Structures are given as structure tokens and as C-alpha cells.
Amino acid sequence: MDIEVTRDTRNELLGRREVDFVLRFDGPTPSRMQVLGKVAAILNVKENQVALDSLKTSFGMTSCTGKARIYDTEDIRNRVERPFLLSRGVPKPKEEGA
């Protein structure tokens, strides 16, 4: 899985970087958690500071385009981002047996 950053701009008002990227992969499309981890590793930030906005894959292609926002702190991310975006792609906790 390779990531190429196509645009990286700074938004001082919201305390974040806005990044567009192209993701190339082999096999099935990676999960949002895998992409989030790879973006955080490439940009040298913690995963809890990254909010993955969108991933768009074209039919039959082994690449997709995406947008991510990297915040200065986790607190800023939690105040600014919509809750459904932060919980998207996160595995649900297993409920204890009935």
C-alpha cells in the first residue's frame, strides 16, 4: 500500500492540515483503519490527531483518492469534527454473551 500526497495545505483558523492523497494497493480495498494508520505513519503524526474524510475508489482500479485532516491536538479534533466521522470505520466492541 503506497500513499502519494497530492495537496497539503495549512488551515490556521481550525488548527489543522488538510491533505489530499492517492492510495495505491494490491488486492482488496484496505479498511479505513488501515488507511488512517498509513496516513499517520507517512505524515509522522499520532493516529488520534487524524480524521479521515473520504475515500473514493473507481470500479476495477487498484487505487483510490482520499482526504484527511491532521489536527494539532486530539482535543481540537474532537471539538471540530463531526462525531459520525470519528466513529466511521472503527470496529464495534463485542457484547458479552447472552
Protein backbone atom coordinates (compact mmCIF):
# COMPACT_ATOMS: atom_id res chain seq x y z
CA MET A 1 0.00 0.00 0.00
CA ASP A 2 1.56 3.27 -1.19
CA ILE A 3 0.35 6.79 -0.44
CA GLU A 4 1.21 9.82 -2.55
CA VAL A 5 0.26 13.21 -1.09
CA THR A 6 -1.14 15.43 -3.85
CA ARG A 7 -2.07 18.51 -1.79
CA ASP A 8 -1.07 19.61 1.70
CA THR A 9 -2.39 22.95 2.96
CA ARG A 10 -2.47 24.54 6.40
CA ASN A 11 -5.71 25.89 7.91
CA GLU A 12 -4.61 28.12 10.80
CA LEU A 13 -8.15 29.07 11.78
CA LEU A 14 -9.05 25.47 12.71
CA GLY A 15 -5.54 24.37 13.73
CA ARG A 16 -5.15 21.64 11.12
CA ARG A 17 -3.51 20.48 7.91
CA GLU A 18 -5.76 19.40 5.04
CA VAL A 19 -4.26 16.64 2.93
CA ASP A 20 -5.41 15.07 -0.35
CA PHE A 21 -3.77 11.79 -1.33
CA VAL A 22 -3.77 8.91 -3.80
CA LEU A 23 -3.63 5.41 -2.32
CA ARG A 24 -2.36 2.50 -4.44
CA PHE A 25 -2.89 -1.05 -3.18
CA ASP A 26 -2.86 -4.70 -4.25
CA GLY A 27 -5.81 -6.98 -3.57
CA PRO A 28 -8.95 -5.79 -1.78
CA THR A 29 -9.51 -2.19 -0.76
CA PRO A 30 -7.88 -1.53 2.65
CA SER A 31 -10.11 -0.69 5.61
CA ARG A 32 -10.44 2.87 6.89
CA MET A 33 -8.39 1.95 9.99
CA GLN A 34 -5.52 0.65 7.83
CA VAL A 35 -5.59 3.80 5.69
CA LEU A 36 -5.72 6.01 8.79
CA GLY A 37 -2.68 4.23 10.25
CA LYS A 38 -0.74 4.53 6.99
CA VAL A 39 -1.55 8.26 6.62
CA ALA A 40 -0.46 8.88 10.22
CA ALA A 41 2.79 6.96 9.64
CA ILE A 42 3.60 8.75 6.36
CA LEU A 43 2.94 12.21 7.84
CA ASN A 44 4.63 11.36 11.17
CA VAL A 45 1.68 12.19 13.45
CA LYS A 46 -0.36 10.23 16.01
CA GLU A 47 -3.45 8.37 14.79
CA ASN A 48 -5.68 10.18 17.30
CA GLN A 49 -4.91 13.50 15.56
CA VAL A 50 -6.07 12.33 12.11
CA ALA A 51 -9.64 12.47 10.77
CA LEU A 52 -10.23 10.58 7.53
CA ASP A 53 -12.82 12.44 5.49
CA SER A 54 -13.39 10.45 2.31
CA LEU A 55 -12.07 7.56 0.24
CA LYS A 56 -13.23 7.19 -3.34
CA THR A 57 -12.42 4.10 -5.39
CA SER A 58 -13.18 3.76 -9.09
CA PHE A 59 -14.59 0.42 -10.25
CA GLY A 60 -11.89 -2.07 -11.19
CA MET A 61 -9.00 0.16 -10.12
CA THR A 62 -6.37 -0.66 -7.52
CA SER A 63 -6.12 2.94 -6.37
CA CYS A 64 -8.35 5.42 -4.61
CA THR A 65 -8.29 9.10 -3.76
CA GLY A 66 -8.89 10.41 -0.27
CA LYS A 67 -8.93 13.41 2.00
CA ALA A 68 -7.66 13.62 5.57
CA ARG A 69 -7.36 16.33 8.18
CA ILE A 70 -4.46 16.35 10.65
CA TYR A 71 -5.11 18.38 13.79
CA ASP A 72 -2.53 19.92 16.12
CA THR A 73 -4.04 18.12 19.14
CA GLU A 74 -6.63 15.41 19.78
CA ASP A 75 -8.73 17.90 21.77
CA ILE A 76 -9.08 20.22 18.76
CA ARG A 77 -10.03 17.25 16.57
CA ASN A 78 -12.77 16.19 18.97
CA ARG A 79 -14.23 19.72 19.14
CA VAL A 80 -14.19 20.41 15.40
CA GLU A 81 -15.00 17.07 13.74
CA ARG A 82 -18.48 15.60 13.48
CA PRO A 83 -18.88 12.54 15.73
CA PHE A 84 -20.05 10.21 12.97
CA LEU A 85 -16.83 10.82 11.02
CA LEU A 86 -14.69 9.94 14.03
CA SER A 87 -16.57 6.68 14.65
CA ARG A 88 -16.74 5.63 10.99
CA GLY A 89 -14.72 2.50 10.27
CA VAL A 90 -13.91 1.80 13.92
CA PRO A 91 -14.77 -1.79 14.89
CA LYS A 92 -17.68 -2.09 17.29
CA PRO A 93 -16.91 -3.52 20.74
CA LYS A 94 -18.08 -7.11 21.18
CA GLU A 95 -21.00 -7.51 23.55
CA GLU A 96 -20.60 -10.04 26.32
CA GLY A 97 -22.57 -13.30 25.91
CA ALA A 98 -26.31 -13.62 26.25
